[in-house]
Amino acid sequence: MISGIRFAAASAVMLIAFAATSQTQRVMSDAAPIAGISCDAMESQRMHIHQHLSILDKGKPVTIPQNIGQRPEKRCLYWLHTHTPDGIVHIEAPLNRKFTLGDFFAI
């Protein structure tokens, strides 16, 4: 029973530390917002959506590049970003709001 209590206490401490760290890291990023979209040190989970984007040029598929919206030199990523070149656009924002294709292209 004590082992379970220690695990629960350790989990609660880690959760509090994670919440405090994610808020601190959001503030610390010095990358400029684009279209009102911040570049944060961690992905947020309040609004978490994955969408697929396909672009055709004269009927031929165009690859959506990987790492759009990621700024390794600033140690941050924008709320709209990609990880892989498969067309999956990640929306991982700390607030609920509408995002547009224009927002993604701005980033």
N, C-alpha and C. Protein backbone atom coordinates (compact mmCIF):
# COMPACT_ATOMS: atom_id res chain seq x y z
N MET A 1 0.82 -1.19 0.00
CA MET A 1 0.00 0.00 0.00
C MET A 1 0.86 1.25 0.00
N ILE A 2 1.95 1.25 0.78
CA ILE A 2 2.82 2.42 0.83
C ILE A 2 3.45 2.64 -0.54
N SER A 3 3.78 1.58 -1.25
CA SER A 3 4.36 1.71 -2.58
C SER A 3 3.39 2.45 -3.51
N GLY A 4 2.11 2.11 -3.43
CA GLY A 4 1.09 2.77 -4.25
C GLY A 4 0.95 4.24 -3.89
N ILE A 5 1.04 4.57 -2.61
CA ILE A 5 0.96 5.97 -2.17
C ILE A 5 2.17 6.75 -2.67
N ARG A 6 3.35 6.13 -2.57
CA ARG A 6 4.56 6.80 -3.08
C ARG A 6 4.45 7.05 -4.58
N PHE A 7 3.93 6.06 -5.32
CA PHE A 7 3.77 6.22 -6.76
C PHE A 7 2.81 7.36 -7.06
N ALA A 8 1.68 7.40 -6.35
CA ALA A 8 0.69 8.46 -6.57
C ALA A 8 1.28 9.82 -6.24
N ALA A 9 2.03 9.91 -5.14
CA ALA A 9 2.65 11.17 -4.75
C ALA A 9 3.70 11.60 -5.78
N ALA A 10 4.51 10.65 -6.24
CA ALA A 10 5.53 10.96 -7.25
C ALA A 10 4.86 11.39 -8.55
N SER A 11 3.76 10.74 -8.92
CA SER A 11 3.04 11.11 -10.14
C SER A 11 2.49 12.52 -10.03
N ALA A 12 1.93 12.86 -8.87
CA ALA A 12 1.38 14.20 -8.66
C ALA A 12 2.47 15.26 -8.75
N VAL A 13 3.63 14.98 -8.17
CA VAL A 13 4.75 15.92 -8.22
C VAL A 13 5.21 16.11 -9.66
N MET A 14 5.32 15.01 -10.42
CA MET A 14 5.74 15.11 -11.82
C MET A 14 4.73 15.90 -12.63
N LEU A 15 3.44 15.70 -12.40
CA LEU A 15 2.40 16.42 -13.12
C LEU A 15 2.48 17.91 -12.83
N ILE A 16 2.67 18.28 -11.58
CA ILE A 16 2.79 19.69 -11.20
C ILE A 16 4.05 20.28 -11.83
N ALA A 17 5.15 19.56 -11.79
CA ALA A 17 6.40 20.04 -12.38
C ALA A 17 6.24 20.22 -13.89
N PHE A 18 5.57 19.28 -14.55
CA PHE A 18 5.34 19.38 -15.99
C PHE A 18 4.51 20.62 -16.32
N ALA A 19 3.44 20.85 -15.57
CA ALA A 19 2.58 22.02 -15.81
C ALA A 19 3.36 23.31 -15.61
N ALA A 20 4.14 23.39 -14.56
CA ALA A 20 4.93 24.59 -14.29
C ALA A 20 5.98 24.79 -15.37
N THR A 21 6.63 23.71 -15.80
CA THR A 21 7.67 23.80 -16.81
C THR A 21 7.09 24.24 -18.15
N SER A 22 5.95 23.67 -18.54
CA SER A 22 5.39 24.01 -19.84
C SER A 22 5.00 25.47 -19.89
N GLN A 23 4.47 26.02 -18.81
CA GLN A 23 4.13 27.43 -18.79
C GLN A 23 5.38 28.29 -18.84
N THR A 24 6.42 27.91 -18.13
CA THR A 24 7.66 28.66 -18.13
C THR A 24 8.28 28.63 -19.52
N GLN A 25 8.29 27.46 -20.16
CA GLN A 25 8.90 27.34 -21.47
C GLN A 25 8.13 28.13 -22.52
N ARG A 26 6.81 28.23 -22.40
CA ARG A 26 6.04 29.04 -23.35
C ARG A 26 6.52 30.48 -23.28
N VAL A 27 6.75 30.99 -22.11
CA VAL A 27 7.15 32.37 -21.93
C VAL A 27 8.58 32.59 -22.43
N MET A 28 9.44 31.58 -22.31
CA MET A 28 10.86 31.74 -22.60
C MET A 28 11.18 31.82 -24.10
N SER A 29 10.34 31.33 -24.97
CA SER A 29 10.65 31.33 -26.39
C SER A 29 10.69 32.76 -26.92
N ASP A 30 11.76 33.09 -27.64
CA ASP A 30 11.87 34.44 -28.18
C ASP A 30 11.58 34.50 -29.68
N ALA A 31 11.05 33.42 -30.25
CA ALA A 31 10.65 33.43 -31.66
C ALA A 31 9.37 34.26 -31.78
N ALA A 32 9.31 35.08 -32.80
CA ALA A 32 8.16 35.95 -33.00
C ALA A 32 6.92 35.13 -33.38
N PRO A 33 5.76 35.50 -32.83
CA PRO A 33 4.52 34.85 -33.25
C PRO A 33 4.25 35.12 -34.73
N ILE A 34 3.59 34.20 -35.38
CA ILE A 34 3.18 34.35 -36.78
C ILE A 34 1.67 34.18 -36.81
N ALA A 35 0.96 35.17 -37.34
CA ALA A 35 -0.51 35.13 -37.43
C ALA A 35 -1.14 34.87 -36.06
N GLY A 36 -0.51 35.41 -35.01
CA GLY A 36 -1.04 35.22 -33.66
C GLY A 36 -0.76 33.84 -33.08
N ILE A 37 0.12 33.09 -33.73
CA ILE A 37 0.44 31.73 -33.30
C ILE A 37 1.84 31.73 -32.71
N SER A 38 1.95 31.33 -31.46
CA SER A 38 3.24 31.33 -30.76
C SER A 38 4.08 30.12 -31.14
N CYS A 39 5.36 30.29 -30.92
CA CYS A 39 6.32 29.19 -31.06
C CYS A 39 6.72 28.81 -29.64
N ASP A 40 6.24 27.66 -29.18
CA ASP A 40 6.42 27.24 -27.80
C ASP A 40 7.44 26.11 -27.69
N ALA A 41 8.01 25.97 -26.51
CA ALA A 41 9.03 24.95 -26.27
C ALA A 41 8.45 23.54 -26.23
N MET A 42 7.16 23.43 -25.95
CA MET A 42 6.53 22.11 -25.87
C MET A 42 5.20 22.13 -26.62
N GLU A 43 4.80 20.96 -27.12
CA GLU A 43 3.48 20.85 -27.74
C GLU A 43 2.42 20.94 -26.66
N SER A 44 1.35 21.66 -26.97
CA SER A 44 0.24 21.79 -26.02
C SER A 44 -0.82 20.75 -26.34
N GLN A 45 -1.66 20.48 -25.38
CA GLN A 45 -2.66 19.43 -25.55
C GLN A 45 -4.10 19.91 -25.45
N ARG A 46 -4.34 21.17 -25.11
CA ARG A 46 -5.73 21.62 -24.97
C ARG A 46 -6.47 21.42 -26.29
N MET A 47 -5.89 21.88 -27.38
CA MET A 47 -6.46 21.64 -28.71
C MET A 47 -5.45 20.79 -29.46
N HIS A 48 -5.82 19.56 -29.75
CA HIS A 48 -4.88 18.61 -30.36
C HIS A 48 -5.61 17.93 -31.53
N ILE A 49 -5.24 18.35 -32.74
CA ILE A 49 -5.89 17.84 -33.94
C ILE A 49 -4.81 17.51 -34.97
N HIS A 50 -5.00 16.42 -35.69
CA HIS A 50 -4.12 16.09 -36.82
C HIS A 50 -5.00 16.09 -38.06
N GLN A 51 -4.51 16.77 -39.10
CA GLN A 51 -5.24 16.84 -40.36
C GLN A 51 -4.30 16.49 -41.49
N HIS A 52 -4.88 16.01 -42.58
CA HIS A 52 -4.06 15.68 -43.75
C HIS A 52 -4.25 16.75 -44.81
N LEU A 53 -3.14 17.23 -45.35
CA LEU A 53 -3.16 18.23 -46.41
C LEU A 53 -2.57 17.62 -47.68
N SER A 54 -3.33 17.72 -48.76
CA SER A 54 -2.84 17.28 -50.08
C SER A 54 -2.81 18.49 -50.99
N ILE A 55 -1.72 18.65 -51.71
CA ILE A 55 -1.60 19.73 -52.69
C ILE A 55 -1.24 19.09 -54.02
N LEU A 56 -1.95 19.49 -55.06
CA LEU A 56 -1.67 18.99 -56.40
C LEU A 56 -1.21 20.15 -57.27
N ASP A 57 -0.21 19.92 -58.09
CA ASP A 57 0.26 20.90 -59.06
C ASP A 57 0.13 20.26 -60.44
N LYS A 58 -0.83 20.78 -61.22
CA LYS A 58 -1.12 20.22 -62.54
C LYS A 58 -1.42 18.73 -62.44
N GLY A 59 -2.14 18.36 -61.38
CA GLY A 59 -2.56 16.98 -61.18
C GLY A 59 -1.54 16.08 -60.52
N LYS A 60 -0.36 16.60 -60.24
CA LYS A 60 0.68 15.78 -59.61
C LYS A 60 0.83 16.18 -58.14
N PRO A 61 0.93 15.18 -57.25
CA PRO A 61 1.06 15.49 -55.82
C PRO A 61 2.35 16.24 -55.49
N VAL A 62 2.24 17.19 -54.59
CA VAL A 62 3.38 17.94 -54.09
C VAL A 62 3.63 17.49 -52.66
N THR A 63 4.86 17.18 -52.34
CA THR A 63 5.20 16.75 -50.98
C THR A 63 5.12 17.93 -50.02
N ILE A 64 4.43 17.74 -48.91
CA ILE A 64 4.40 18.73 -47.84
C ILE A 64 5.66 18.48 -47.02
N PRO A 65 6.53 19.47 -46.90
CA PRO A 65 7.81 19.22 -46.20
C PRO A 65 7.64 18.87 -44.72
N GLN A 66 8.58 18.11 -44.22
CA GLN A 66 8.61 17.82 -42.79
C GLN A 66 9.19 19.03 -42.06
N ASN A 67 8.90 19.11 -40.79
CA ASN A 67 9.44 20.13 -39.88
C ASN A 67 9.01 21.56 -40.19
N ILE A 68 7.91 21.73 -40.92
CA ILE A 68 7.35 23.08 -41.06
C ILE A 68 6.91 23.52 -39.67
N GLY A 69 7.21 24.75 -39.33
CA GLY A 69 6.79 25.29 -38.03
C GLY A 69 7.67 24.89 -36.87
N GLN A 70 8.80 24.28 -37.15
CA GLN A 70 9.74 23.91 -36.09
C GLN A 70 10.97 24.80 -36.21
N ARG A 71 11.38 25.36 -35.09
CA ARG A 71 12.54 26.25 -35.06
C ARG A 71 13.58 25.69 -34.10
N PRO A 72 14.41 24.74 -34.55
CA PRO A 72 15.40 24.12 -33.65
C PRO A 72 16.35 25.14 -33.03
N GLU A 73 16.70 26.18 -33.79
CA GLU A 73 17.63 27.18 -33.26
C GLU A 73 17.01 27.99 -32.12
N LYS A 74 15.68 28.03 -32.09
CA LYS A 74 14.96 28.73 -31.01
C LYS A 74 14.40 27.75 -29.99
N ARG A 75 14.56 26.45 -30.27
CA ARG A 75 14.05 25.39 -29.39
C ARG A 75 12.54 25.51 -29.19
N CYS A 76 11.83 25.68 -30.31
CA CYS A 76 10.37 25.80 -30.21
C CYS A 76 9.70 25.30 -31.48
N LEU A 77 8.39 25.13 -31.39
CA LEU A 77 7.59 24.81 -32.56
C LEU A 77 6.27 25.56 -32.46
N TYR A 78 5.78 25.95 -33.63
CA TYR A 78 4.52 26.68 -33.70
C TYR A 78 3.36 25.71 -33.50
N TRP A 79 2.22 26.27 -33.11
CA TRP A 79 1.05 25.44 -32.82
C TRP A 79 0.62 24.63 -34.04
N LEU A 80 0.88 25.13 -35.24
CA LEU A 80 0.66 24.37 -36.47
C LEU A 80 2.02 23.95 -36.97
N HIS A 81 2.23 22.66 -37.17
CA HIS A 81 3.54 22.18 -37.62
C HIS A 81 3.42 20.80 -38.23
N THR A 82 4.50 20.38 -38.87
CA THR A 82 4.60 19.01 -39.39
C THR A 82 5.82 18.34 -38.77
N HIS A 83 5.79 17.04 -38.74
CA HIS A 83 6.94 16.26 -38.29
C HIS A 83 7.52 15.45 -39.45
N THR A 84 6.66 14.98 -40.32
CA THR A 84 7.05 14.08 -41.41
C THR A 84 6.53 14.63 -42.75
N PRO A 85 7.05 14.14 -43.87
CA PRO A 85 6.60 14.64 -45.18
C PRO A 85 5.38 13.90 -45.73
N ASP A 86 4.49 13.45 -44.85
CA ASP A 86 3.31 12.69 -45.29
C ASP A 86 2.04 13.53 -45.39
N GLY A 87 2.15 14.85 -45.19
CA GLY A 87 0.98 15.72 -45.31
C GLY A 87 0.19 15.89 -44.03
N ILE A 88 0.60 15.25 -42.95
CA ILE A 88 -0.11 15.39 -41.68
C ILE A 88 0.30 16.71 -41.03
N VAL A 89 -0.68 17.58 -40.80
CA VAL A 89 -0.46 18.86 -40.13
C VAL A 89 -0.95 18.70 -38.69
N HIS A 90 -0.08 19.00 -37.76
CA HIS A 90 -0.40 18.91 -36.34
C HIS A 90 -0.85 20.28 -35.85
N ILE A 91 -1.99 20.31 -35.17
CA ILE A 91 -2.42 21.51 -34.46
C ILE A 91 -2.39 21.12 -32.99
N GLU A 92 -1.48 21.71 -32.25
CA GLU A 92 -1.33 21.41 -30.83
C GLU A 92 -1.17 22.74 -30.12
N ALA A 93 -2.32 23.27 -29.68
CA ALA A 93 -2.37 24.63 -29.14
C ALA A 93 -2.83 24.65 -27.69
N PRO A 94 -2.40 25.67 -26.94
CA PRO A 94 -2.81 25.78 -25.54
C PRO A 94 -4.19 26.41 -25.36
N LEU A 95 -4.85 26.73 -26.48
CA LEU A 95 -6.18 27.31 -26.41
C LEU A 95 -6.99 26.87 -27.62
N ASN A 96 -8.29 26.92 -27.48
CA ASN A 96 -9.17 26.58 -28.60
C ASN A 96 -9.38 27.82 -29.44
N ARG A 97 -9.10 27.72 -30.72
CA ARG A 97 -9.34 28.82 -31.65
C ARG A 97 -9.42 28.26 -33.05
N LYS A 98 -9.87 29.06 -33.97
CA LYS A 98 -9.94 28.63 -35.36
C LYS A 98 -8.59 28.84 -36.01
N PHE A 99 -8.18 27.86 -36.81
CA PHE A 99 -6.96 27.95 -37.60
C PHE A 99 -7.34 27.82 -39.06
N THR A 100 -6.60 28.47 -39.92
CA THR A 100 -6.89 28.42 -41.35
C THR A 100 -5.70 27.88 -42.13
N LEU A 101 -5.96 27.52 -43.36
CA LEU A 101 -4.87 27.10 -44.24
C LEU A 101 -3.89 28.25 -44.42
N GLY A 102 -4.40 29.48 -44.44
CA GLY A 102 -3.54 30.66 -44.53
C GLY A 102 -2.58 30.76 -43.35
N ASP A 103 -3.06 30.40 -42.15
CA ASP A 103 -2.18 30.39 -40.98
C ASP A 103 -1.02 29.42 -41.20
N PHE A 104 -1.34 28.23 -41.70
CA PHE A 104 -0.31 27.22 -41.95
C PHE A 104 0.68 27.71 -42.99
N PHE A 105 0.18 28.30 -44.08
CA PHE A 105 1.08 28.80 -45.13
C PHE A 105 1.92 29.96 -44.63
N ALA A 106 1.39 30.78 -43.71
CA ALA A 106 2.18 31.88 -43.13
C ALA A 106 3.36 31.34 -42.36
N ILE A 107 3.12 30.25 -41.64
CA ILE A 107 4.20 29.61 -40.86
C ILE A 107 5.16 28.94 -41.80
